[in-house]
């Protein structure tokens, strides 16, 4: 006989399919019992759990009727952000309390919980999600979102969903109008400030221009041009004055000749020499007058040291010396005490009258020349004064350039800001008018709140199936634990494996029939009672559900 092994060092043998079938047969009560209990509990829970109905509504985002390139909107936030903001407003405490009180919601919860917990539970029952569509196998969001509310009463769920959707639409209109109006008012205030600033700078520039009229830096080129024009006018005026002076000298010389001729007619001189001397003197006076006019013209064109001027002055000096000699010779001739009376013939009288008329005409021309010379001289003085004034303007222009540049820069900046705000204000007013007329971006009910026919919660078949599966796992776990705890030999395979001895025969387990029947009756009684109680509990829960179902 082979020695037996120590029980502490013997490992369990590997199990086969027959062993697993034997284990199930031996512990079938421990497997079926938890499973049945779990089924009963899951059925009771599933049918005692009140139904929840989900009412849904789809709201569409309608773009503005006027293209945005014509009337830009005052709202620069994305629609998703605005929906989140509107959702916070719609789910605010005041709004939800109004809905709860108006529809008599959560009566049981209000008796057991404070209002804040009930409101938190209601926010969980409200679902707001974007609507997506499948395009080419990808989920693409569209301009719409879904609003849903879950409640135990389907009519109440539909009514609350309608109120939530109405709250979104009203809040969108209110928020857009409020934001657009606030933007317009803000731009108006900024525009008014910019307008006042621009007016103030314009007044400062006007005062500066009035105070420094003609000396502004931007008038420098005009002043230079005017100065050149005035200098040209002054040069022309000087030439005109010189020309008038020459003309006056010629006229005076001519009238002097005419007077001498008239005097010659009235003088009783018969000598030919005296007459020749007078004619020679007259001729010299003419030449001297013409030469003086020529010298004045040369001095306008050349300097005093120019050869032509020197030559003309030398010739003038020579003529004057000849004239002085003739005048001296005439003065040496002394007239008699009683000049003879000369009788004039008709031709001499006519010549005398012609000379007197010519002298009167020349005197008139001399007076006109003197008047013109006076006007030219006055104009010359005015031109000189204007030239001095423009020279002072040109010299003082750089001194005020910095101040004028600062004023101009401030004016340009204020003008640019004013124009920008004026354009923005006009756009904002147009956008606000569009919003007030209901032609801006708005929310439109695409699908009204649905009246649910079937509850969304609970999923009873899923709960019962999950409970049965959980009970089966618990039963299998309990049977396995009992099998691991039981170390007795169950069959011939165990005897051969653990004793390493050949088995010659087997003796069946002999039990008392009375004890066996008693065990069976107790087992059947226990299973029957458990089954009846389980079926009764499940039936009661099902009956309660259908009896209280709305």
Protein backbone atom coordinates (compact mmCIF):
# COMPACT_ATOMS: atom_id res chain seq x y z
CA UNK A 1 0.00 0.00 0.00
CA UNK A 2 1.26 3.47 -0.98
CA UNK A 3 1.51 6.11 1.73
CA UNK A 4 -1.19 8.80 1.77
CA UNK A 5 -0.35 12.46 1.02
CA UNK A 6 -0.65 15.24 3.53
CA UNK A 7 -4.03 17.00 3.14
CA UNK A 8 -2.42 20.45 3.43
CA UNK A 9 -0.16 19.79 0.45
CA UNK A 10 -2.77 18.30 -1.87
CA UNK A 11 -3.92 20.68 -4.63
CA UNK A 12 -7.32 20.52 -6.21
CA UNK A 13 -7.60 18.62 -9.43
CA UNK A 14 -8.73 20.22 -12.67
CA UNK A 15 -12.48 20.23 -13.25
CA UNK A 16 -14.16 19.08 -16.42
CA UNK A 17 -17.64 19.54 -17.85
CA UNK A 18 -19.13 16.71 -15.78
CA UNK A 19 -17.75 18.31 -12.61
CA UNK A 20 -19.38 21.66 -13.51
CA UNK A 21 -22.68 19.89 -14.18
CA UNK A 22 -22.42 18.13 -10.81
CA UNK A 23 -21.68 21.47 -9.10
CA UNK A 24 -24.77 23.07 -10.69
CA UNK A 25 -26.89 20.09 -9.69
CA UNK A 26 -25.64 20.14 -6.12
CA UNK A 27 -26.04 23.94 -5.70
CA UNK A 28 -28.99 24.66 -7.97
CA UNK A 29 -30.91 26.20 -5.11
CA UNK A 30 -28.12 28.72 -4.43
CA UNK A 31 -28.08 29.71 -8.11
CA UNK A 32 -31.83 29.91 -8.77
CA UNK A 33 -32.66 31.55 -5.44
CA UNK A 34 -30.66 34.81 -5.87
CA UNK A 35 -31.67 35.00 -9.49
CA UNK A 36 -35.38 34.72 -8.62
CA UNK A 37 -35.02 37.23 -5.80
CA UNK A 38 -33.24 39.68 -8.15
CA UNK A 39 -36.00 39.24 -10.75
CA UNK A 40 -38.65 39.98 -8.12
CA UNK A 41 -36.80 43.06 -6.89
CA UNK A 42 -36.15 44.35 -10.40
CA UNK A 43 -39.81 43.85 -11.40
CA UNK A 44 -41.01 45.65 -8.29
CA UNK A 45 -38.52 48.47 -8.84
CA UNK A 46 -39.33 48.74 -12.56
CA UNK A 47 -43.09 48.98 -12.05
CA UNK A 48 -42.97 51.06 -8.89
CA UNK A 49 -40.69 53.55 -10.60
CA UNK A 50 -42.97 56.30 -11.95
CA UNK A 51 -42.99 56.97 -15.68
CA UNK A 52 -41.17 59.95 -17.08
CA UNK A 53 -42.38 61.48 -20.34
CA UNK A 54 -40.08 63.56 -22.51
CA UNK A 55 -41.62 66.42 -24.51
CA UNK A 56 -39.38 67.96 -27.18
CA UNK A 57 -39.54 71.08 -29.30
CA UNK A 58 -37.15 72.39 -31.99
CA UNK A 59 -36.41 76.09 -32.31
CA UNK A 60 -34.85 77.43 -35.50
CA UNK A 61 -32.47 80.38 -35.74
CA UNK A 62 -33.74 82.62 -38.55
CA UNK A 63 -31.08 84.94 -40.06
CA UNK A 64 -31.77 88.67 -40.60
CA UNK A 65 -34.02 89.54 -43.52
CA UNK A 66 -31.61 92.31 -44.61
CA UNK A 67 -28.12 91.06 -45.58
CA UNK A 68 -25.47 91.84 -43.01
CA UNK A 69 -23.23 93.52 -45.58
CA UNK A 70 -25.87 96.25 -45.86
CA UNK A 71 -26.84 96.54 -42.18
CA UNK A 72 -24.23 95.05 -39.82
CA UNK A 73 -25.64 93.68 -36.58
CA UNK A 74 -24.84 95.20 -33.17
CA UNK A 75 -24.52 91.68 -31.69
CA UNK A 76 -21.06 90.23 -32.15
CA UNK A 77 -21.48 87.05 -30.08
CA UNK A 78 -22.05 83.62 -31.60
CA UNK A 79 -25.54 82.17 -31.54
CA UNK A 80 -24.33 79.23 -29.41
CA UNK A 81 -23.06 81.67 -26.78
CA UNK A 82 -26.32 83.60 -26.83
CA UNK A 83 -28.28 80.33 -26.48
CA UNK A 84 -26.19 79.45 -23.41
CA UNK A 85 -26.85 82.91 -21.96
CA UNK A 86 -30.56 82.64 -22.71
CA UNK A 87 -30.58 79.14 -21.16
CA UNK A 88 -29.17 80.57 -17.94
CA UNK A 89 -31.88 83.22 -17.93
CA UNK A 90 -34.67 80.76 -18.73
CA UNK A 91 -33.39 78.36 -16.03
CA UNK A 92 -33.01 81.09 -13.46
CA UNK A 93 -34.55 80.60 -10.04
CA UNK A 94 -37.31 83.17 -10.49
CA UNK A 95 -38.42 81.75 -13.84
CA UNK A 96 -38.37 78.10 -12.68
CA UNK A 97 -40.25 78.94 -9.48
CA UNK A 98 -42.92 80.66 -11.60
CA UNK A 99 -43.23 77.58 -13.82
CA UNK A 100 -43.40 75.23 -10.81
CA UNK A 101 -46.06 77.28 -9.09
CA UNK A 102 -48.02 77.87 -12.28
CA UNK A 103 -48.14 74.16 -13.21
CA UNK A 104 -48.14 72.68 -9.69
CA UNK A 105 -45.00 70.63 -10.34
CA UNK A 106 -43.06 68.38 -7.95
CA UNK A 107 -45.66 68.32 -5.23
CA UNK A 108 -44.15 65.32 -3.48
CA UNK A 109 -40.62 66.59 -3.76
CA UNK A 110 -41.59 70.00 -2.35
CA UNK A 111 -42.98 68.29 0.76
CA UNK A 112 -39.74 66.39 1.34
CA UNK A 113 -37.05 68.72 -0.02
CA UNK A 114 -36.23 72.43 0.05
CA UNK A 115 -36.94 74.53 -3.01
CA UNK A 116 -33.28 74.75 -4.06
CA UNK A 117 -32.98 70.96 -4.33
CA UNK A 118 -36.21 70.79 -6.32
CA UNK A 119 -34.94 73.50 -8.68
CA UNK A 120 -31.68 71.62 -9.17
CA UNK A 121 -33.64 68.48 -10.03
CA UNK A 122 -35.80 70.41 -12.49
CA UNK A 123 -32.70 71.79 -14.22
CA UNK A 124 -31.56 68.22 -14.73
CA UNK A 125 -34.95 67.39 -16.31
CA UNK A 126 -34.51 70.29 -18.79
CA UNK A 127 -32.31 69.44 -21.77
CA UNK A 128 -31.04 71.99 -24.33
CA UNK A 129 -28.97 70.57 -27.17
CA UNK A 130 -28.05 71.61 -30.73
CA UNK A 131 -29.67 69.86 -33.65
CA UNK A 132 -27.19 68.01 -35.85
CA UNK A 133 -27.62 66.35 -39.20
CA UNK A 134 -25.67 63.59 -40.90
CA UNK A 135 -24.06 64.79 -44.11
CA UNK A 136 -21.63 62.50 -45.91
CA UNK A 137 -21.25 60.38 -42.80
CA UNK A 138 -20.30 63.34 -40.56
CA UNK A 139 -22.36 65.11 -37.94
CA UNK A 140 -22.93 68.71 -39.05
CA UNK A 141 -24.63 71.22 -36.73
CA UNK A 142 -27.49 73.23 -38.19
CA UNK A 143 -28.97 76.52 -37.07
CA UNK A 144 -31.49 75.04 -34.65
CA UNK A 145 -31.58 73.64 -31.13
CA UNK A 146 -33.82 71.26 -29.21
CA UNK A 147 -35.58 72.08 -25.94
CA UNK A 148 -36.97 69.17 -23.92
CA UNK A 149 -38.48 68.61 -20.51
CA UNK A 150 -39.03 65.32 -18.71
CA UNK A 151 -41.88 64.84 -16.22
CA UNK A 152 -44.22 62.16 -14.93
CA UNK A 153 -47.29 63.75 -16.56
CA UNK A 154 -47.08 63.97 -20.35
CA UNK A 155 -49.55 66.88 -20.69
CA UNK A 156 -47.65 68.86 -18.07
CA UNK A 157 -44.37 68.00 -19.78
CA UNK A 158 -45.73 69.37 -23.05
CA UNK A 159 -47.01 72.55 -21.39
CA UNK A 160 -43.75 73.21 -19.58
CA UNK A 161 -41.80 72.66 -22.81
CA UNK A 162 -44.00 75.23 -24.54
CA UNK A 163 -43.34 77.72 -21.75
CA UNK A 164 -39.60 77.11 -21.96
CA UNK A 165 -39.62 77.64 -25.73
CA UNK A 166 -41.68 80.80 -25.32
CA UNK A 167 -39.17 81.97 -22.73
CA UNK A 168 -36.30 81.43 -25.20
CA UNK A 169 -38.07 83.37 -27.96
CA UNK A 170 -39.06 86.24 -25.65
CA UNK A 171 -35.62 86.38 -24.06
CA UNK A 172 -33.97 86.46 -27.49
CA UNK A 173 -36.14 89.39 -28.59
CA UNK A 174 -35.57 91.23 -25.32
CA UNK A 175 -31.82 90.61 -25.19
CA UNK A 176 -31.23 91.56 -28.83
CA UNK A 177 -33.30 94.72 -28.50
CA UNK A 178 -31.65 95.64 -25.19
CA UNK A 179 -28.11 95.02 -26.45
CA UNK A 180 -28.74 96.83 -29.73
CA UNK A 181 -30.35 99.81 -27.97
CA UNK A 182 -27.55 99.93 -25.38
CA UNK A 183 -24.96 99.85 -28.16
CA UNK A 184 -26.72 102.67 -30.00
CA UNK A 185 -26.98 104.79 -26.84
CA UNK A 186 -23.32 104.21 -26.04
CA UNK A 187 -22.26 105.20 -29.56
CA UNK A 188 -24.49 108.29 -29.36
CA UNK A 189 -22.79 109.35 -26.14
CA UNK A 190 -19.34 108.77 -27.63
CA UNK A 191 -20.38 110.60 -30.80
CA UNK A 192 -21.63 113.58 -28.79
CA UNK A 193 -18.34 113.75 -26.87
CA UNK A 194 -16.38 113.54 -30.14
CA UNK A 195 -18.58 116.24 -31.68
CA UNK A 196 -18.00 118.61 -28.77
CA UNK A 197 -14.27 117.93 -28.86
CA UNK A 198 -14.16 118.58 -32.60
CA UNK A 199 -16.17 121.81 -32.20
CA UNK A 200 -13.82 122.99 -29.46
CA UNK A 201 -10.74 122.29 -31.60
CA UNK A 202 -12.41 123.99 -34.58
CA UNK A 203 -13.04 127.10 -32.44
CA UNK A 204 -9.42 127.09 -31.33
CA UNK A 205 -8.26 126.77 -34.93
CA UNK A 206 -10.63 129.55 -36.01
CA UNK A 207 -9.31 131.86 -33.29
CA UNK A 208 -5.76 130.94 -34.23
CA UNK A 209 -6.44 131.61 -37.91
CA UNK A 210 -8.11 134.94 -37.16
CA UNK A 211 -5.30 135.93 -34.82
CA UNK A 212 -2.60 134.93 -37.32
CA UNK A 213 -4.37 135.55 -40.60
CA UNK A 214 -1.89 135.58 -43.48
CA UNK A 215 0.96 134.18 -41.34
CA UNK A 216 -0.10 130.54 -41.26
CA UNK A 217 2.46 127.96 -42.42
CA UNK A 218 0.13 126.62 -45.08
CA UNK A 219 -0.12 130.16 -46.51
CA UNK A 220 3.66 130.51 -46.91
CA UNK A 221 3.67 129.56 -50.58
CA UNK A 222 0.74 131.88 -51.27
CA UNK A 223 2.54 134.68 -49.42
CA UNK A 224 5.70 134.10 -51.46
CA UNK A 225 3.68 134.16 -54.67
CA UNK A 226 1.87 137.32 -53.59
CA UNK A 227 5.18 138.90 -52.60
CA UNK A 228 6.64 138.21 -56.03
CA UNK A 229 3.50 139.64 -57.63
CA UNK A 230 3.72 142.77 -55.47
CA UNK A 231 7.39 143.20 -56.30
CA UNK A 232 6.54 142.93 -59.99
CA UNK A 233 3.76 145.46 -59.52
CA UNK A 234 6.16 147.77 -57.66
CA UNK A 235 8.68 147.46 -60.47
CA UNK A 236 5.94 148.28 -62.98
CA UNK A 237 4.82 151.21 -60.84
CA UNK A 238 8.40 152.55 -60.67
CA UNK A 239 8.71 152.27 -64.40
CA UNK A 240 5.37 154.05 -64.83
CA UNK A 241 6.46 156.84 -62.47
CA UNK A 242 9.72 157.22 -64.36
CA UNK A 243 7.86 157.26 -67.67
CA UNK A 244 5.38 159.87 -66.38
CA UNK A 245 8.31 161.98 -65.11
CA UNK A 246 9.98 161.84 -68.48
CA UNK A 247 6.73 162.72 -70.20
CA UNK A 248 6.25 165.65 -67.81
CA UNK A 249 9.75 166.88 -68.48
CA UNK A 250 9.17 166.73 -72.21
CA UNK A 251 5.87 168.57 -71.84
CA UNK A 252 7.46 171.24 -69.66
CA UNK A 253 10.30 171.63 -72.15
CA UNK A 254 7.79 171.87 -74.99
CA UNK A 255 5.64 174.46 -73.17
CA UNK A 256 8.76 176.46 -72.41
CA UNK A 257 9.63 176.46 -76.10
CA UNK A 258 6.10 177.53 -77.01
CA UNK A 259 6.23 180.35 -74.46
CA UNK A 260 9.55 181.51 -75.83
CA UNK A 261 8.12 181.45 -79.34
CA UNK A 262 5.09 183.41 -78.12
CA UNK A 263 7.37 185.89 -76.36
CA UNK A 264 9.44 186.17 -79.51
CA UNK A 265 6.34 187.11 -81.43
CA UNK A 266 5.50 189.82 -78.91
CA UNK A 267 9.08 191.22 -78.65
CA UNK A 268 10.08 194.17 -80.97
CA UNK A 269 13.48 192.72 -81.87
CA UNK A 270 14.60 193.02 -85.47
CA UNK A 271 18.09 191.76 -85.20
CA UNK A 272 18.65 188.40 -86.84
CA UNK A 273 21.30 187.47 -84.33
CA UNK A 274 18.93 187.64 -81.38
CA UNK A 275 16.42 185.52 -83.19
CA UNK A 276 19.05 182.98 -84.11
CA UNK A 277 20.25 182.88 -80.52
CA UNK A 278 16.74 182.24 -79.29
CA UNK A 279 16.21 179.48 -81.76
CA UNK A 280 19.55 177.94 -80.82
CA UNK A 281 18.66 178.19 -77.11
CA UNK A 282 15.32 176.54 -77.76
CA UNK A 283 16.97 173.73 -79.64
CA UNK A 284 19.42 173.21 -76.79
CA UNK A 285 16.58 173.10 -74.25
CA UNK A 286 14.88 170.39 -76.31
CA UNK A 287 18.04 168.38 -76.58
CA UNK A 288 18.72 168.77 -72.84
CA UNK A 289 15.18 167.64 -71.95
CA UNK A 290 15.37 164.61 -74.25
CA UNK A 291 18.80 163.69 -72.92
CA UNK A 292 17.64 163.96 -69.27
CA UNK A 293 14.72 161.63 -70.06
CA UNK A 294 17.11 159.20 -71.69
CA UNK A 295 19.44 159.32 -68.66
CA UNK A 296 16.51 158.59 -66.31
CA UNK A 297 15.59 155.56 -68.45
CA UNK A 298 19.19 154.36 -68.43
CA UNK A 299 19.37 154.67 -64.62
CA UNK A 300 16.31 152.40 -64.34
CA UNK A 301 18.08 149.74 -66.34
CA UNK A 302 21.75 150.19 -65.33
CA UNK A 303 23.78 151.33 -62.34
CA UNK A 304 25.21 154.82 -61.94
CA UNK A 305 28.71 153.64 -62.98
CA UNK A 306 27.63 152.06 -66.25
CA UNK A 307 29.53 153.40 -69.30
CA UNK A 308 26.35 154.35 -71.16
CA UNK A 309 25.14 156.35 -68.15
CA UNK A 310 28.51 158.11 -67.80
CA UNK A 311 28.57 158.92 -71.52
CA UNK A 312 25.03 160.35 -71.43
CA UNK A 313 25.80 162.45 -68.31
CA UNK A 314 28.93 163.89 -70.00
CA UNK A 315 26.93 164.83 -73.07
CA UNK A 316 24.24 166.42 -70.84
CA UNK A 317 26.87 168.48 -69.05
CA UNK A 318 28.24 169.70 -72.39
CA UNK A 319 24.78 170.74 -73.61
CA UNK A 320 24.04 172.53 -70.33
CA UNK A 321 27.31 174.49 -70.63
CA UNK A 322 26.34 175.60 -74.13
CA UNK A 323 22.89 176.65 -72.90
CA UNK A 324 24.41 178.59 -70.03
CA UNK A 325 26.69 180.38 -72.47
CA UNK A 326 23.82 181.44 -74.69
CA UNK A 327 21.78 182.60 -71.68
CA UNK A 328 24.73 184.67 -70.50
CA UNK A 329 25.10 186.27 -73.93
CA UNK A 330 21.41 187.20 -74.02
CA UNK A 331 21.62 188.79 -70.58
CA UNK A 332 24.47 191.01 -71.73
CA UNK A 333 22.22 192.59 -74.39
CA UNK A 334 20.44 195.45 -72.60
CA UNK A 335 17.12 196.63 -73.93
CA UNK A 336 16.43 200.29 -74.69
CA UNK A 337 14.47 202.43 -72.31
CA UNK A 338 11.44 202.63 -74.52
CA UNK A 339 10.83 199.53 -76.53
CA UNK A 340 9.28 200.18 -79.85
CA UNK A 341 5.77 199.17 -80.42
CA UNK A 342 5.49 196.27 -82.75
CA UNK A 343 2.44 195.70 -84.81
CA UNK A 344 1.56 192.07 -85.57
CA UNK A 345 0.18 191.01 -88.85
CA UNK A 346 -2.76 188.59 -89.09
CA UNK A 347 -0.55 185.56 -89.63
CA UNK A 348 1.50 186.37 -86.54
CA UNK A 349 -1.68 186.87 -84.54
CA UNK A 350 -3.00 183.51 -85.72
CA UNK A 351 0.33 181.90 -84.84
CA UNK A 352 0.21 183.52 -81.40
CA UNK A 353 -3.28 182.16 -80.78
CA UNK A 354 -2.18 178.69 -81.91
CA UNK A 355 0.79 178.86 -79.56
CA UNK A 356 -1.45 179.93 -76.67
CA UNK A 357 -3.86 177.01 -77.46
CA UNK A 358 -0.95 174.58 -77.65
CA UNK A 359 0.37 175.92 -74.33
CA UNK A 360 -3.07 175.43 -72.71
CA UNK A 361 -3.31 171.89 -74.08
CA UNK A 362 0.16 171.04 -72.82
CA UNK A 363 -0.68 172.50 -69.41
CA UNK A 364 -3.73 170.27 -69.27
CA UNK A 365 -1.59 167.28 -70.15
CA UNK A 366 0.93 168.30 -67.48
CA UNK A 367 -1.87 168.49 -64.88
CA UNK A 368 -3.13 165.04 -65.94
CA UNK A 369 0.41 163.71 -65.72
CA UNK A 370 0.78 165.23 -62.24
CA UNK A 371 -2.50 163.60 -61.13
CA UNK A 372 -1.43 160.27 -62.58
CA UNK A 373 1.98 160.65 -60.97
CA UNK A 374 0.28 161.34 -57.63
CA UNK A 375 -1.87 158.21 -58.00
CA UNK A 376 1.14 156.14 -59.04
CA UNK A 377 3.12 157.46 -56.09
CA UNK A 378 0.28 156.62 -53.74
CA UNK A 379 0.03 153.14 -55.24
CA UNK A 380 3.81 152.80 -54.89
CA UNK A 381 3.64 153.61 -51.18
CA UNK A 382 0.82 151.08 -50.74
CA UNK A 383 2.81 148.41 -52.58
CA UNK A 384 5.84 149.09 -50.44
CA UNK A 385 3.71 148.80 -47.29
CA UNK A 386 2.20 145.51 -48.54
CA UNK A 387 5.63 144.15 -49.39
CA UNK A 388 6.84 144.99 -45.87
CA UNK A 389 3.73 143.31 -44.43
CA UNK A 390 4.23 140.12 -46.46
CA UNK A 391 7.91 140.04 -45.57
CA UNK A 392 6.97 140.15 -41.90
CA UNK A 393 4.42 137.36 -42.46
CA UNK A 394 6.98 135.18 -44.19
CA UNK A 395 9.54 135.82 -41.45
CA UNK A 396 7.06 135.03 -38.63
CA UNK A 397 5.59 131.91 -40.30
CA UNK A 398 8.18 129.41 -38.89
CA UNK A 399 7.61 130.70 -35.35
CA UNK A 400 3.99 129.47 -35.19
CA UNK A 401 4.49 126.32 -37.26
CA UNK A 402 4.73 124.01 -34.22
CA UNK A 403 1.60 125.37 -32.56
CA UNK A 404 -0.28 125.21 -35.84
CA UNK A 405 0.97 121.64 -36.44
CA UNK A 406 -0.29 120.58 -32.98
CA UNK A 407 -3.67 122.14 -33.66
CA UNK A 408 -3.86 120.54 -37.10
CA UNK A 409 -2.90 117.11 -35.71
CA UNK A 410 -5.48 117.37 -32.93
CA UNK A 411 -8.10 118.48 -35.44
CA UNK A 412 -7.34 115.61 -37.84
CA UNK A 413 -7.48 113.06 -35.03
CA UNK A 414 -10.72 114.49 -33.67
CA UNK A 415 -12.19 114.63 -37.18
CA UNK A 416 -11.22 111.01 -37.89
CA UNK A 417 -12.69 109.85 -34.58
CA UNK A 418 -15.86 111.85 -35.19
CA UNK A 419 -16.28 110.42 -38.70
CA UNK A 420 -15.68 106.89 -37.41
CA UNK A 421 -18.19 107.27 -34.59
CA UNK A 422 -20.67 108.94 -36.92
CA UNK A 423 -20.52 105.97 -39.31
CA UNK A 424 -20.78 103.47 -36.44
CA UNK A 425 -23.70 105.38 -34.94
CA UNK A 426 -25.55 105.34 -38.24
CA UNK A 427 -24.95 101.60 -38.63
CA UNK A 428 -26.03 100.97 -35.03
CA UNK A 429 -29.20 103.02 -35.46
CA UNK A 430 -30.04 101.06 -38.62
CA UNK A 431 -29.41 97.76 -36.80
CA UNK A 432 -31.55 98.87 -33.84
CA UNK A 433 -34.36 99.91 -36.18
CA UNK A 434 -34.10 96.51 -37.86
CA UNK A 435 -34.33 94.74 -34.49
CA UNK A 436 -37.28 96.85 -33.35
CA UNK A 437 -39.13 96.02 -36.55
CA UNK A 438 -38.55 92.31 -35.97
CA UNK A 439 -36.45 91.87 -39.11
CA UNK A 440 -33.18 90.96 -37.39
CA UNK A 441 -31.93 87.57 -36.31
CA UNK A 442 -34.69 85.82 -34.37
CA UNK A 443 -35.87 82.47 -33.06
CA UNK A 444 -38.74 80.71 -34.75
CA UNK A 445 -40.62 77.63 -33.56
CA UNK A 446 -39.82 74.89 -36.05
CA UNK A 447 -41.44 71.91 -34.29
CA UNK A 448 -43.97 72.57 -31.50
CA UNK A 449 -43.73 70.77 -28.18
CA UNK A 450 -44.63 67.10 -28.70
CA UNK A 451 -47.16 65.18 -26.61
CA UNK A 452 -45.28 61.97 -25.69
CA UNK A 453 -47.17 58.69 -25.98
CA UNK A 454 -44.65 56.33 -24.38
CA UNK A 455 -42.49 57.01 -21.35
CA UNK A 456 -38.76 57.44 -21.77
CA UNK A 457 -38.04 56.20 -18.23
CA UNK A 458 -37.78 53.66 -16.83
CA UNK A 459 -36.68 51.01 -19.33
CA UNK A 460 -38.48 48.16 -17.60
CA UNK A 461 -37.30 45.26 -19.75
CA UNK A 462 -33.74 46.50 -19.40
CA UNK A 463 -34.12 46.79 -15.62
CA UNK A 464 -35.64 43.30 -15.33
CA UNK A 465 -32.99 41.80 -17.60
CA UNK A 466 -30.21 43.53 -15.72
CA UNK A 467 -31.68 42.34 -12.39
CA UNK A 468 -31.94 38.74 -13.62
CA UNK A 469 -28.38 38.80 -14.88
CA UNK A 470 -27.12 40.30 -11.65
CA UNK A 471 -29.03 37.68 -9.63
CA UNK A 472 -27.58 34.89 -11.79
CA UNK A 473 -24.06 36.21 -11.21
CA UNK A 474 -24.69 36.39 -7.47
CA UNK A 475 -26.03 32.83 -7.50
CA UNK A 476 -23.05 31.54 -9.45
CA UNK A 477 -20.72 33.37 -7.08
CA UNK A 478 -22.50 31.82 -4.02
CA UNK A 479 -22.42 28.31 -5.53
CA UNK A 480 -18.73 28.69 -6.34
CA UNK A 481 -18.00 29.89 -2.81
CA UNK A 482 -19.81 26.92 -1.28
CA UNK A 483 -17.99 24.56 -3.63
CA UNK A 484 -14.63 26.03 -2.68
CA UNK A 485 -15.46 25.73 1.00
CA UNK A 486 -16.59 22.04 0.70
CA UNK A 487 -13.44 19.80 0.74
CA UNK A 488 -15.21 16.42 0.86
CA UNK A 489 -14.88 13.79 -1.86
CA UNK A 490 -17.80 13.96 -4.23
CA UNK A 491 -17.20 11.11 -6.70
CA UNK A 492 -14.78 8.39 -7.82
CA UNK A 493 -12.59 10.94 -9.62
CA UNK A 494 -11.98 12.72 -6.33
CA UNK A 495 -11.19 9.42 -4.58
CA UNK A 496 -8.66 8.36 -7.20
CA UNK A 497 -7.12 11.85 -7.45
CA UNK A 498 -6.69 12.58 -3.79
CA UNK A 499 -5.91 9.02 -2.40
CA UNK A 500 -3.82 7.66 -5.27
CA UNK A 501 -5.42 4.25 -4.49
CA UNK A 502 -7.26 1.95 -6.82
CA UNK A 503 -11.01 1.88 -6.24
CA UNK A 504 -12.35 -1.66 -6.01
CA UNK A 505 -16.02 -0.73 -5.43
CA UNK A 506 -18.46 1.87 -4.17
CA UNK A 507 -21.10 1.86 -1.49
CA UNK A 508 -24.03 4.26 -2.02
CA UNK A 509 -25.00 6.77 0.67
CA UNK A 510 -27.85 5.26 2.67
CA UNK A 511 -30.23 7.82 4.28
CA UNK A 512 -33.47 7.44 6.17
CA UNK A 513 -36.45 7.78 3.84
CA UNK A 514 -38.36 9.76 6.42
CA UNK A 515 -35.55 12.28 6.72
CA UNK A 516 -35.25 12.51 2.96
CA UNK A 517 -38.97 13.10 2.48
CA UNK A 518 -38.95 15.66 5.28
CA UNK A 519 -36.12 17.59 3.65
CA UNK A 520 -37.90 17.53 0.33
CA UNK A 521 -41.16 18.77 1.86
CA UNK A 522 -39.36 21.60 3.67
CA UNK A 523 -37.55 22.55 0.48
CA UNK A 524 -40.70 22.52 -1.58
CA UNK A 525 -42.55 24.46 1.08
CA UNK A 526 -39.81 27.10 1.19
CA UNK A 527 -39.66 27.38 -2.61
CA UNK A 528 -43.41 27.53 -2.89
CA UNK A 529 -43.68 30.26 -0.28
CA UNK A 530 -40.88 32.22 -1.88
CA UNK A 531 -42.43 31.83 -5.34
CA UNK A 532 -45.86 32.87 -4.11
CA UNK A 533 -44.48 35.89 -2.28
CA UNK A 534 -42.36 36.87 -5.28
CA UNK A 535 -45.22 36.47 -7.71
CA UNK A 536 -47.53 38.37 -5.37
CA UNK A 537 -45.02 41.22 -5.05
CA UNK A 538 -44.53 41.39 -8.80
CA UNK A 539 -48.28 41.24 -9.47
CA UNK A 540 -48.95 43.98 -6.92
CA UNK A 541 -46.36 46.25 -8.45
CA UNK A 542 -47.72 45.66 -11.96
CA UNK A 543 -51.26 46.29 -10.76
CA UNK A 544 -50.21 49.47 -8.95
CA UNK A 545 -48.49 50.74 -12.10
CA UNK A 546 -51.45 50.24 -14.40
CA UNK A 547 -53.93 51.41 -11.75
CA UNK A 548 -52.11 54.72 -11.23
CA UNK A 549 -51.03 55.24 -14.83
CA UNK A 550 -52.25 58.49 -16.30
